[in-house]
Amino acid sequence: MGELNIKINHYIVITNSDFMVDILIRKRILKIQERLGMRIGITYGVKAMPVVKNLSQALEALRELYKIGLKAFVLPPELFSGIESHSDLYKSKYGDLLKIKDEAKRYNIELSLRLPQISGEPDEMIRIYTKICSIMDVRAFSAKPNFYSAFMPHDQALRLAVYKINEIVASEAPRVKIGIETTGKTGDVGSLEDVIDIVKRTNSTEPIINFGMLHAYDNGFLRTRRDFNFVFEKLRKSLGPAYFQNAFFFFSGVRYTSQGYAETIPLAKADIKLENMVREAMAAGIKGTLIFEDPAKEKMVLGILDGLADMVR
């Protein structure tokens, strides 16, 4: 009996110790976000569940993010599989979307949605996703503007993308802005210049800067603080300083070829450096949301905790 008590007491001590470690990590990550002036989050799932595909998985991922203090989460398209029309949305998924929305608000976690790839007929897909965004009251809906790049010359694909986005916005009047995300394939519509051009020529849109894709698009462009400063100054001059009060960034390590993006790799193995971006963003007074894409998910953020703390000190 005495031996059993010792084991139980030992287990309780370990559990309490782990609990205290979790609290300290959460406080530290919250403080980093406060100093950085940005919510930090991840895409699609957590390490144990890389892509959430149903309600229970989404709620579990939100709980895990809350425990460590991350304040943003990008939901994957897989979560909305089966929704091919407005009728599907209200018949089968509406209640689930509200539950995810309410749980995120309870944990103060900012939700976003993203379509990483859109076919050559983007109309219905974008319309459905803007409706989902309105129901869930998300911060951002991100889509790459390269839907016509495979079918026509760059200039024509760019003009048609502008026309199509304006057409959808005029007919749907979405409550969320459509985020125009930088792409990674050289020649596709989606360079930094393309994204700025589209945002200036469309209504209810905003730029979503994916630094990994931007880096790949120009074959390793973002190597120094000066390179990031160039991007920020271009955005400031083109869109005005108000953009930086609620900017939205993706950051990832990427492998690229002469054709641009090839695959996402661990940030630790990449030639793009987070510190360069963070220091330039803080120097420019940029606020908003920073989303990490990494195979290790939340473990990646925990792994660079000391480095992040030094960056924002």
C-alpha atoms as a PDB file:
ATOM      1  CA  MET A   1       0.000   0.000   0.000  1.00  0.00           C
ATOM      2  CA  GLY A   2       2.856   2.382   0.904  1.00  0.00           C
ATOM      3  CA  GLU A   3       4.526   1.687  -2.444  1.00  0.00           C
ATOM      4  CA  LEU A   4       1.269   2.480  -4.235  1.00  0.00           C
ATOM      5  CA  ASN A   5       0.982   5.826  -2.411  1.00  0.00           C
ATOM      6  CA  ILE A   6       4.516   6.756  -3.398  1.00  0.00           C
ATOM      7  CA  LYS A   7       3.759   6.054  -7.050  1.00  0.00           C
ATOM      8  CA  ILE A   8       0.538   8.057  -6.923  1.00  0.00           C
ATOM      9  CA  ASN A   9       2.238  10.991  -5.213  1.00  0.00           C
ATOM     10  CA  HIS A  10       5.090  10.874  -7.714  1.00  0.00           C
ATOM     11  CA  TYR A  11       2.593  10.961 -10.587  1.00  0.00           C
ATOM     12  CA  ILE A  12       0.829  13.943  -9.066  1.00  0.00           C
ATOM     13  CA  VAL A  13       4.112  15.844  -8.734  1.00  0.00           C
ATOM     14  CA  ILE A  14       4.988  15.181 -12.372  1.00  0.00           C
ATOM     15  CA  THR A  15       1.542  16.222 -13.522  1.00  0.00           C
ATOM     16  CA  ASN A  16       1.655  19.462 -11.523  1.00  0.00           C
ATOM     17  CA  SER A  17       5.137  20.161 -12.842  1.00  0.00           C
ATOM     18  CA  ASP A  18       4.003  19.679 -16.431  1.00  0.00           C
ATOM     19  CA  PHE A  19       1.012  21.930 -15.751  1.00  0.00           C
ATOM     20  CA  MET A  20       3.281  24.685 -14.456  1.00  0.00           C
ATOM     21  CA  VAL A  21       5.531  24.336 -17.524  1.00  0.00           C
ATOM     22  CA  ASP A  22       2.461  24.720 -19.777  1.00  0.00           C
ATOM     23  CA  ILE A  23       1.437  27.889 -17.919  1.00  0.00           C
ATOM     24  CA  LEU A  24       4.921  29.388 -18.238  1.00  0.00           C
ATOM     25  CA  ILE A  25       5.092  28.581 -21.947  1.00  0.00           C
ATOM     26  CA  ARG A  26       1.648  30.106 -22.517  1.00  0.00           C
ATOM     27  CA  LYS A  27       2.589  33.302 -20.669  1.00  0.00           C
ATOM     28  CA  ARG A  28       5.805  33.557 -22.626  1.00  0.00           C
ATOM     29  CA  ILE A  29       4.145  33.114 -26.008  1.00  0.00           C
ATOM     30  CA  LEU A  30       1.447  35.632 -25.113  1.00  0.00           C
ATOM     31  CA  LYS A  31       4.117  38.151 -24.099  1.00  0.00           C
ATOM     32  CA  ILE A  32       5.997  37.618 -27.384  1.00  0.00           C
ATOM     33  CA  GLN A  33       2.825  38.316 -29.355  1.00  0.00           C
ATOM     34  CA  GLU A  34       2.161  41.433 -27.304  1.00  0.00           C
ATOM     35  CA  ARG A  35       5.643  42.796 -27.963  1.00  0.00           C
ATOM     36  CA  LEU A  36       5.570  41.817 -31.627  1.00  0.00           C
ATOM     37  CA  GLY A  37       2.168  43.412 -32.095  1.00  0.00           C
ATOM     38  CA  MET A  38       0.925  40.378 -34.011  1.00  0.00           C
ATOM     39  CA  ARG A  39      -1.136  37.315 -33.336  1.00  0.00           C
ATOM     40  CA  ILE A  40       0.903  34.190 -34.058  1.00  0.00           C
ATOM     41  CA  GLY A  41      -0.734  31.071 -35.445  1.00  0.00           C
ATOM     42  CA  ILE A  42      -0.431  27.995 -37.629  1.00  0.00           C
ATOM     43  CA  THR A  43      -2.249  26.405 -40.556  1.00  0.00           C
ATOM     44  CA  TYR A  44      -4.686  23.502 -40.798  1.00  0.00           C
ATOM     45  CA  GLY A  45      -3.979  21.476 -37.635  1.00  0.00           C
ATOM     46  CA  VAL A  46      -1.588  20.542 -34.849  1.00  0.00           C
ATOM     47  CA  LYS A  47       1.306  18.084 -34.834  1.00  0.00           C
ATOM     48  CA  ALA A  48      -0.861  15.197 -33.630  1.00  0.00           C
ATOM     49  CA  MET A  49      -3.543  16.117 -36.200  1.00  0.00           C
ATOM     50  CA  PRO A  50      -1.850  17.903 -39.155  1.00  0.00           C
ATOM     51  CA  VAL A  51      -5.117  18.570 -41.015  1.00  0.00           C
ATOM     52  CA  VAL A  52      -8.417  18.879 -39.156  1.00  0.00           C
ATOM     53  CA  LYS A  53     -11.257  17.324 -41.136  1.00  0.00           C
ATOM     54  CA  ASN A  54     -14.290  17.434 -38.848  1.00  0.00           C
ATOM     55  CA  LEU A  55     -15.856  19.324 -35.958  1.00  0.00           C
ATOM     56  CA  SER A  56     -14.283  17.344 -33.118  1.00  0.00           C
ATOM     57  CA  GLN A  57     -10.795  17.629 -34.602  1.00  0.00           C
ATOM     58  CA  ALA A  58     -11.199  21.365 -35.127  1.00  0.00           C
ATOM     59  CA  LEU A  59     -12.318  21.878 -31.521  1.00  0.00           C
ATOM     60  CA  GLU A  60      -9.423  19.766 -30.229  1.00  0.00           C
ATOM     61  CA  ALA A  61      -6.920  21.778 -32.295  1.00  0.00           C
ATOM     62  CA  LEU A  62      -8.299  25.032 -30.872  1.00  0.00           C
ATOM     63  CA  ARG A  63      -7.903  23.695 -27.334  1.00  0.00           C
ATOM     64  CA  GLU A  64      -4.297  22.715 -28.029  1.00  0.00           C
ATOM     65  CA  LEU A  65      -3.492  26.153 -29.447  1.00  0.00           C
ATOM     66  CA  TYR A  66      -5.083  27.860 -26.454  1.00  0.00           C
ATOM     67  CA  LYS A  67      -3.020  25.765 -24.021  1.00  0.00           C
ATOM     68  CA  ILE A  68       0.257  27.094 -25.439  1.00  0.00           C
ATOM     69  CA  GLY A  69      -0.975  30.614 -26.130  1.00  0.00           C
ATOM     70  CA  LEU A  70      -1.166  30.779 -29.928  1.00  0.00           C
ATOM     71  CA  LYS A  71      -3.865  33.212 -31.053  1.00  0.00           C
ATOM     72  CA  ALA A  72      -4.544  32.475 -34.732  1.00  0.00           C
ATOM     73  CA  PHE A  73      -5.552  29.437 -36.766  1.00  0.00           C
ATOM     74  CA  VAL A  74      -6.077  28.969 -40.510  1.00  0.00           C
ATOM     75  CA  LEU A  75      -8.738  26.370 -41.247  1.00  0.00           C
ATOM     76  CA  PRO A  76      -8.103  23.929 -44.127  1.00  0.00           C
ATOM     77  CA  PRO A  77     -10.369  23.357 -47.130  1.00  0.00           C
ATOM     78  CA  GLU A  78     -10.690  19.686 -46.057  1.00  0.00           C
ATOM     79  CA  LEU A  79     -12.865  20.832 -43.159  1.00  0.00           C
ATOM     80  CA  PHE A  80     -15.447  22.038 -45.669  1.00  0.00           C
ATOM     81  CA  SER A  81     -15.419  19.063 -48.022  1.00  0.00           C
ATOM     82  CA  GLY A  82     -18.872  18.171 -49.239  1.00  0.00           C
ATOM     83  CA  ILE A  83     -20.000  21.780 -49.401  1.00  0.00           C
ATOM     84  CA  GLU A  84     -20.557  22.356 -53.092  1.00  0.00           C
ATOM     85  CA  SER A  85     -23.505  24.737 -52.915  1.00  0.00           C
ATOM     86  CA  HIS A  86     -25.261  27.099 -50.534  1.00  0.00           C
ATOM     87  CA  SER A  87     -27.819  24.362 -49.961  1.00  0.00           C
ATOM     88  CA  ASP A  88     -25.104  21.934 -48.784  1.00  0.00           C
ATOM     89  CA  LEU A  89     -23.748  24.597 -46.453  1.00  0.00           C
ATOM     90  CA  TYR A  90     -27.003  25.189 -44.603  1.00  0.00           C
ATOM     91  CA  LYS A  91     -28.196  21.583 -44.610  1.00  0.00           C
ATOM     92  CA  SER A  92     -25.130  19.784 -43.280  1.00  0.00           C
ATOM     93  CA  LYS A  93     -22.433  22.127 -41.954  1.00  0.00           C
ATOM     94  CA  TYR A  94     -24.044  25.273 -40.607  1.00  0.00           C
ATOM     95  CA  GLY A  95     -24.239  24.099 -36.994  1.00  0.00           C
ATOM     96  CA  ASP A  96     -20.658  22.836 -37.011  1.00  0.00           C
ATOM     97  CA  LEU A  97     -19.378  26.155 -38.346  1.00  0.00           C
ATOM     98  CA  LEU A  98     -21.128  28.036 -35.544  1.00  0.00           C
ATOM     99  CA  LYS A  99     -19.650  25.697 -32.912  1.00  0.00           C
ATOM    100  CA  ILE A 100     -16.125  26.240 -34.242  1.00  0.00           C
ATOM    101  CA  LYS A 101     -16.705  29.991 -34.396  1.00  0.00           C
ATOM    102  CA  ASP A 102     -17.970  30.087 -30.787  1.00  0.00           C
ATOM    103  CA  GLU A 103     -15.096  27.955 -29.474  1.00  0.00           C
ATOM    104  CA  ALA A 104     -12.534  30.166 -31.198  1.00  0.00           C
ATOM    105  CA  LYS A 105     -14.108  33.276 -29.677  1.00  0.00           C
ATOM    106  CA  ARG A 106     -14.130  31.658 -26.244  1.00  0.00           C
ATOM    107  CA  TYR A 107     -10.396  31.002 -26.547  1.00  0.00           C
ATOM    108  CA  ASN A 108      -9.700  34.378 -28.234  1.00  0.00           C
ATOM    109  CA  ILE A 109      -8.246  32.619 -31.271  1.00  0.00           C
ATOM    110  CA  GLU A 110      -8.555  34.421 -34.593  1.00  0.00           C
ATOM    111  CA  LEU A 111      -9.855  32.218 -37.412  1.00  0.00           C
ATOM    112  CA  SER A 112      -9.022  32.476 -41.108  1.00  0.00           C
ATOM    113  CA  LEU A 113      -9.856  30.372 -44.159  1.00  0.00           C
ATOM    114  CA  ARG A 114      -7.666  29.639 -47.125  1.00  0.00           C
ATOM    115  CA  LEU A 115      -8.036  28.159 -50.571  1.00  0.00           C
ATOM    116  CA  PRO A 116      -4.498  27.118 -51.570  1.00  0.00           C
ATOM    117  CA  GLN A 117      -5.560  26.294 -55.130  1.00  0.00           C
ATOM    118  CA  ILE A 118      -8.527  27.372 -57.246  1.00  0.00           C
ATOM    119  CA  SER A 119      -9.471  25.861 -60.578  1.00  0.00           C
ATOM    120  CA  GLY A 120      -9.953  27.804 -63.793  1.00  0.00           C
ATOM    121  CA  GLU A 121     -13.606  28.359 -62.798  1.00  0.00           C
ATOM    122  CA  PRO A 122     -13.331  30.125 -59.449  1.00  0.00           C
ATOM    123  CA  ASP A 123     -16.820  31.619 -59.242  1.00  0.00           C
ATOM    124  CA  GLU A 124     -18.775  29.093 -57.209  1.00  0.00           C
ATOM    125  CA  MET A 125     -15.870  28.105 -54.978  1.00  0.00           C
ATOM    126  CA  ILE A 126     -15.093  31.683 -53.976  1.00  0.00           C
ATOM    127  CA  ARG A 127     -18.789  32.433 -53.469  1.00  0.00           C
ATOM    128  CA  ILE A 128     -19.205  29.459 -51.124  1.00  0.00           C
ATOM    129  CA  TYR A 129     -16.096  30.318 -49.153  1.00  0.00           C
ATOM    130  CA  THR A 130     -17.074  33.954 -48.710  1.00  0.00           C
ATOM    131  CA  LYS A 131     -20.419  32.743 -47.348  1.00  0.00           C
ATOM    132  CA  ILE A 132     -18.618  30.387 -44.931  1.00  0.00           C
ATOM    133  CA  CYS A 133     -16.395  33.297 -43.877  1.00  0.00           C
ATOM    134  CA  SER A 134     -19.438  35.451 -43.154  1.00  0.00           C
ATOM    135  CA  ILE A 135     -21.016  32.728 -41.018  1.00  0.00           C
ATOM    136  CA  MET A 136     -17.808  32.132 -39.050  1.00  0.00           C
ATOM    137  CA  ASP A 137     -16.875  35.811 -38.754  1.00  0.00           C
ATOM    138  CA  VAL A 138     -13.265  35.121 -39.748  1.00  0.00           C
ATOM    139  CA  ARG A 139     -10.407  37.598 -39.959  1.00  0.00           C
ATOM    140  CA  ALA A 140      -9.264  36.683 -43.467  1.00  0.00           C
ATOM    141  CA  PHE A 141     -10.160  34.627 -46.512  1.00  0.00           C
ATOM    142  CA  SER A 142      -7.027  33.972 -48.535  1.00  0.00           C
ATOM    143  CA  ALA A 143      -6.892  32.842 -52.170  1.00  0.00           C
ATOM    144  CA  LYS A 144      -4.144  32.845 -54.764  1.00  0.00           C
ATOM    145  CA  PRO A 145      -5.062  34.838 -57.906  1.00  0.00           C
ATOM    146  CA  ASN A 146      -3.486  32.405 -60.373  1.00  0.00           C
ATOM    147  CA  PHE A 147      -6.738  30.700 -61.430  1.00  0.00           C
ATOM    148  CA  TYR A 148      -6.212  31.538 -65.116  1.00  0.00           C
ATOM    149  CA  SER A 149      -2.393  31.361 -65.294  1.00  0.00           C
ATOM    150  CA  ALA A 150      -2.340  27.924 -66.908  1.00  0.00           C
ATOM    151  CA  PHE A 151      -4.710  28.901 -69.701  1.00  0.00           C
ATOM    152  CA  MET A 152      -3.538  32.251 -71.053  1.00  0.00           C
ATOM    153  CA  PRO A 153      -0.683  34.798 -71.131  1.00  0.00           C
ATOM    154  CA  HIS A 154       0.184  36.558 -67.884  1.00  0.00           C
ATOM    155  CA  ASP A 155      -1.283  39.981 -68.707  1.00  0.00           C
ATOM    156  CA  GLN A 156      -4.562  38.479 -69.882  1.00  0.00           C
ATOM    157  CA  ALA A 157      -4.769  36.190 -66.828  1.00  0.00           C
ATOM    158  CA  LEU A 158      -4.176  39.187 -64.571  1.00  0.00           C
ATOM    159  CA  ARG A 159      -6.899  41.285 -66.216  1.00  0.00           C
ATOM    160  CA  LEU A 160      -9.388  38.419 -66.068  1.00  0.00           C
ATOM    161  CA  ALA A 161      -8.612  37.774 -62.400  1.00  0.00           C
ATOM    162  CA  VAL A 162      -9.336  41.441 -61.621  1.00  0.00           C
ATOM    163  CA  TYR A 163     -12.606  41.282 -63.574  1.00  0.00           C
ATOM    164  CA  LYS A 164     -13.702  38.034 -61.918  1.00  0.00           C
ATOM    165  CA  ILE A 165     -12.957  39.228 -58.380  1.00  0.00           C
ATOM    166  CA  ASN A 166     -14.891  42.448 -58.912  1.00  0.00           C
ATOM    167  CA  GLU A 167     -17.784  40.475 -60.388  1.00  0.00           C
ATOM    168  CA  ILE A 168     -17.958  38.150 -57.373  1.00  0.00           C
ATOM    169  CA  VAL A 169     -17.699  41.015 -54.881  1.00  0.00           C
ATOM    170  CA  ALA A 170     -20.451  42.964 -56.654  1.00  0.00           C
ATOM    171  CA  SER A 171     -22.836  39.996 -56.645  1.00  0.00           C
ATOM    172  CA  GLU A 172     -22.081  38.598 -53.178  1.00  0.00           C
ATOM    173  CA  ALA A 173     -21.194  41.729 -51.130  1.00  0.00           C
ATOM    174  CA  PRO A 174     -19.084  39.571 -48.753  1.00  0.00           C
ATOM    175  CA  ARG A 175     -18.635  40.661 -45.135  1.00  0.00           C
ATOM    176  CA  VAL A 176     -14.986  39.614 -45.257  1.00  0.00           C
ATOM    177  CA  LYS A 177     -12.365  40.981 -47.616  1.00  0.00           C
ATOM    178  CA  ILE A 178     -10.945  38.552 -50.161  1.00  0.00           C
ATOM    179  CA  GLY A 179      -7.240  38.182 -49.423  1.00  0.00           C
ATOM    180  CA  ILE A 180      -5.058  38.105 -52.533  1.00  0.00           C
ATOM    181  CA  GLU A 181      -2.114  35.861 -51.620  1.00  0.00           C
ATOM    182  CA  THR A 182       1.306  35.918 -53.257  1.00  0.00           C
ATOM    183  CA  THR A 183       2.056  32.770 -55.261  1.00  0.00           C
ATOM    184  CA  GLY A 184       5.265  30.787 -55.602  1.00  0.00           C
ATOM    185  CA  LYS A 185       5.386  29.625 -59.217  1.00  0.00           C
ATOM    186  CA  THR A 186       7.440  31.890 -61.456  1.00  0.00           C
ATOM    187  CA  GLY A 187       5.259  33.355 -64.198  1.00  0.00           C
ATOM    188  CA  ASP A 188       1.945  32.785 -62.413  1.00  0.00           C
ATOM    189  CA  VAL A 189      -0.239  35.731 -61.549  1.00  0.00           C
ATOM    190  CA  GLY A 190       0.677  36.373 -57.924  1.00  0.00           C
ATOM    191  CA  SER A 191       3.978  38.240 -57.704  1.00  0.00           C
ATOM    192  CA  LEU A 192       4.204  41.063 -55.169  1.00  0.00           C
ATOM    193  CA  GLU A 193       3.569  43.548 -57.964  1.00  0.00           C
ATOM    194  CA  ASP A 194       0.580  41.520 -59.221  1.00  0.00           C
ATOM    195  CA  VAL A 195      -0.976  41.348 -55.767  1.00  0.00           C
ATOM    196  CA  ILE A 196      -0.617  45.097 -55.224  1.00  0.00           C
ATOM    197  CA  ASP A 197      -2.058  45.762 -58.682  1.00  0.00           C
ATOM    198  CA  ILE A 198      -5.062  43.491 -58.080  1.00  0.00           C
ATOM    199  CA  VAL A 199      -5.829  45.019 -54.677  1.00  0.00           C
ATOM    200  CA  LYS A 200      -5.686  48.540 -56.097  1.00  0.00           C
ATOM    201  CA  ARG A 201      -8.062  47.605 -58.949  1.00  0.00           C
ATOM    202  CA  THR A 202     -10.618  45.595 -56.998  1.00  0.00           C
ATOM    203  CA  ASN A 203     -13.124  46.196 -54.212  1.00  0.00           C
ATOM    204  CA  SER A 204     -13.187  44.484 -50.814  1.00  0.00           C
ATOM    205  CA  THR A 205      -9.742  42.896 -51.191  1.00  0.00           C
ATOM    206  CA  GLU A 206      -6.492  42.983 -49.229  1.00  0.00           C
ATOM    207  CA  PRO A 207      -2.959  41.697 -49.848  1.00  0.00           C
ATOM    208  CA  ILE A 208      -1.906  38.492 -48.093  1.00  0.00           C
ATOM    209  CA  ILE A 209       1.883  38.337 -48.143  1.00  0.00           C
ATOM    210  CA  ASN A 210       3.197  34.778 -48.126  1.00  0.00           C
ATOM    211  CA  PHE A 211       6.904  35.331 -47.617  1.00  0.00           C
ATOM    212  CA  GLY A 212       7.840  31.744 -48.429  1.00  0.00           C
ATOM    213  CA  MET A 213       6.044  31.945 -51.777  1.00  0.00           C
ATOM    214  CA  LEU A 214       7.468  35.396 -52.466  1.00  0.00           C
ATOM    215  CA  HIS A 215      10.944  34.043 -51.738  1.00  0.00           C
ATOM    216  CA  ALA A 216      10.418  31.130 -54.126  1.00  0.00           C
ATOM    217  CA  TYR A 217       8.794  33.213 -56.877  1.00  0.00           C
ATOM    218  CA  ASP A 218      11.994  35.220 -57.307  1.00  0.00           C
ATOM    219  CA  ASN A 219      14.389  32.297 -56.723  1.00  0.00           C
ATOM    220  CA  GLY A 220      15.525  33.137 -53.216  1.00  0.00           C
ATOM    221  CA  PHE A 221      14.812  36.852 -53.108  1.00  0.00           C
ATOM    222  CA  LEU A 222      14.383  37.362 -49.344  1.00  0.00           C
ATOM    223  CA  ARG A 223      17.822  36.816 -47.834  1.00  0.00           C
ATOM    224  CA  THR A 224      18.567  39.975 -45.845  1.00  0.00           C
ATOM    225  CA  ARG A 225      16.788  42.563 -43.710  1.00  0.00           C
ATOM    226  CA  ARG A 226      17.179  44.963 -46.599  1.00  0.00           C
ATOM    227  CA  ASP A 227      15.143  42.631 -48.831  1.00  0.00           C
ATOM    228  CA  PHE A 228      12.259  42.584 -46.351  1.00  0.00           C
ATOM    229  CA  ASN A 229      12.496  46.342 -45.971  1.00  0.00           C
ATOM    230  CA  PHE A 230      12.111  46.627 -49.748  1.00  0.00           C
ATOM    231  CA  VAL A 231       8.870  44.613 -49.592  1.00  0.00           C
ATOM    232  CA  PHE A 232       7.454  46.632 -46.698  1.00  0.00           C
ATOM    233  CA  GLU A 233       8.321  49.962 -48.299  1.00  0.00           C
ATOM    234  CA  LYS A 234       6.729  48.898 -51.576  1.00  0.00           C
ATOM    235  CA  LEU A 235       3.544  47.958 -49.745  1.00  0.00           C
ATOM    236  CA  ARG A 236       3.561  51.187 -47.766  1.00  0.00           C
ATOM    237  CA  LYS A 237       4.060  53.396 -50.816  1.00  0.00           C
ATOM    238  CA  SER A 238       1.465  51.509 -52.857  1.00  0.00           C
ATOM    239  CA  LEU A 239      -1.270  50.947 -50.269  1.00  0.00           C
ATOM    240  CA  GLY A 240      -0.610  53.510 -47.560  1.00  0.00           C
ATOM    241  CA  PRO A 241       0.389  53.119 -43.901  1.00  0.00           C
ATOM    242  CA  ALA A 242      -3.114  52.025 -42.819  1.00  0.00           C
ATOM    243  CA  TYR A 243      -2.459  48.576 -44.303  1.00  0.00           C
ATOM    244  CA  PHE A 244       0.157  47.914 -41.634  1.00  0.00           C
ATOM    245  CA  GLN A 245      -2.330  48.319 -38.794  1.00  0.00           C
ATOM    246  CA  ASN A 246      -3.811  44.899 -39.568  1.00  0.00           C
ATOM    247  CA  ALA A 247      -1.554  43.082 -42.032  1.00  0.00           C
ATOM    248  CA  PHE A 248      -1.712  39.336 -42.657  1.00  0.00           C
ATOM    249  CA  PHE A 249       1.452  37.314 -43.307  1.00  0.00           C
ATOM    250  CA  PHE A 250       2.341  33.680 -43.946  1.00  0.00           C
ATOM    251  CA  PHE A 251       5.901  32.560 -43.233  1.00  0.00           C
ATOM    252  CA  SER A 252       7.469  29.207 -44.166  1.00  0.00           C
ATOM    253  CA  GLY A 253      10.628  27.521 -45.284  1.00  0.00           C
ATOM    254  CA  VAL A 254      10.536  26.502 -48.931  1.00  0.00           C
ATOM    255  CA  ARG A 255      12.539  24.561 -51.470  1.00  0.00           C
ATOM    256  CA  TYR A 256      12.477  26.163 -54.890  1.00  0.00           C
ATOM    257  CA  THR A 257      13.854  25.679 -58.399  1.00  0.00           C
ATOM    258  CA  SER A 258      14.212  27.980 -61.392  1.00  0.00           C
ATOM    259  CA  GLN A 259      10.434  27.527 -61.847  1.00  0.00           C
ATOM    260  CA  GLY A 260       9.728  28.724 -58.307  1.00  0.00           C
ATOM    261  CA  TYR A 261       8.108  26.905 -55.392  1.00  0.00           C
ATOM    262  CA  ALA A 262       8.724  23.151 -55.110  1.00  0.00           C
ATOM    263  CA  GLU A 263       7.761  22.227 -51.536  1.00  0.00           C
ATOM    264  CA  THR A 264       7.450  23.480 -47.977  1.00  0.00           C
ATOM    265  CA  ILE A 265      10.343  22.441 -45.745  1.00  0.00           C
ATOM    266  CA  PRO A 266      11.176  22.942 -42.051  1.00  0.00           C
ATOM    267  CA  LEU A 267      12.060  26.554 -41.416  1.00  0.00           C
ATOM    268  CA  ALA A 268      15.305  25.476 -39.748  1.00  0.00           C
ATOM    269  CA  LYS A 269      16.525  24.064 -43.094  1.00  0.00           C
ATOM    270  CA  ALA A 270      15.516  27.035 -45.229  1.00  0.00           C
ATOM    271  CA  ASP A 271      17.552  29.962 -46.537  1.00  0.00           C
ATOM    272  CA  ILE A 272      14.861  32.486 -45.569  1.00  0.00           C
ATOM    273  CA  LYS A 273      15.383  33.829 -42.041  1.00  0.00           C
ATOM    274  CA  LEU A 274      12.508  34.724 -39.756  1.00  0.00           C
ATOM    275  CA  GLU A 275      14.633  37.133 -37.736  1.00  0.00           C
ATOM    276  CA  ASN A 276      15.146  39.382 -40.752  1.00  0.00           C
ATOM    277  CA  MET A 277      11.405  39.692 -41.295  1.00  0.00           C
ATOM    278  CA  VAL A 278      10.523  40.156 -37.617  1.00  0.00           C
ATOM    279  CA  ARG A 279      13.083  42.879 -37.002  1.00  0.00           C
ATOM    280  CA  GLU A 280      12.039  44.830 -40.105  1.00  0.00           C
ATOM    281  CA  ALA A 281       8.339  44.434 -39.273  1.00  0.00           C
ATOM    282  CA  MET A 282       8.906  45.766 -35.762  1.00  0.00           C
ATOM    283  CA  ALA A 283      11.022  48.639 -37.061  1.00  0.00           C
ATOM    284  CA  ALA A 284       8.174  49.549 -39.423  1.00  0.00           C
ATOM    285  CA  GLY A 285       5.576  49.328 -36.633  1.00  0.00           C
ATOM    286  CA  ILE A 286       3.559  46.636 -38.424  1.00  0.00           C
ATOM    287  CA  LYS A 287       0.633  45.040 -36.576  1.00  0.00           C
ATOM    288  CA  GLY A 288      -1.549  42.116 -37.574  1.00  0.00           C
ATOM    289  CA  THR A 289      -1.299  38.333 -37.892  1.00  0.00           C
ATOM    290  CA  LEU A 290       1.688  36.071 -38.559  1.00  0.00           C
ATOM    291  CA  ILE A 291       0.938  32.492 -39.608  1.00  0.00           C
ATOM    292  CA  PHE A 292       3.655  29.837 -39.644  1.00  0.00           C
ATOM    293  CA  GLU A 293       3.555  26.948 -42.091  1.00  0.00           C
ATOM    294  CA  ASP A 294       5.866  24.167 -40.988  1.00  0.00           C
ATOM    295  CA  PRO A 295       5.628  20.366 -40.904  1.00  0.00           C
ATOM    296  CA  ALA A 296       6.148  20.482 -37.117  1.00  0.00           C
ATOM    297  CA  LYS A 297       3.104  22.753 -36.622  1.00  0.00           C
ATOM    298  CA  GLU A 298       2.948  24.161 -33.056  1.00  0.00           C
ATOM    299  CA  LYS A 299       6.117  22.248 -32.113  1.00  0.00           C
ATOM    300  CA  MET A 300       8.021  24.482 -34.518  1.00  0.00           C
ATOM    301  CA  VAL A 301       6.900  27.583 -32.604  1.00  0.00           C
ATOM    302  CA  LEU A 302       7.888  26.003 -29.298  1.00  0.00           C
ATOM    303  CA  GLY A 303      11.250  25.048 -30.801  1.00  0.00           C
ATOM    304  CA  ILE A 304      12.114  28.643 -31.698  1.00  0.00           C
ATOM    305  CA  LEU A 305      10.699  30.176 -28.513  1.00  0.00           C
ATOM    306  CA  ASP A 306      14.039  31.474 -27.261  1.00  0.00           C
ATOM    307  CA  GLY A 307      14.855  32.932 -30.669  1.00  0.00           C
ATOM    308  CA  LEU A 308      11.466  34.650 -30.916  1.00  0.00           C
ATOM    309  CA  ALA A 309      11.887  36.118 -27.453  1.00  0.00           C
ATOM    310  CA  ASP A 310      15.276  37.551 -28.423  1.00  0.00           C
ATOM    311  CA  MET A 311      13.846  39.024 -31.650  1.00  0.00           C
ATOM    312  CA  VAL A 312      11.153  41.025 -29.869  1.00  0.00           C
ATOM    313  CA  ARG A 313      13.147  42.051 -26.806  1.00  0.00           C
END
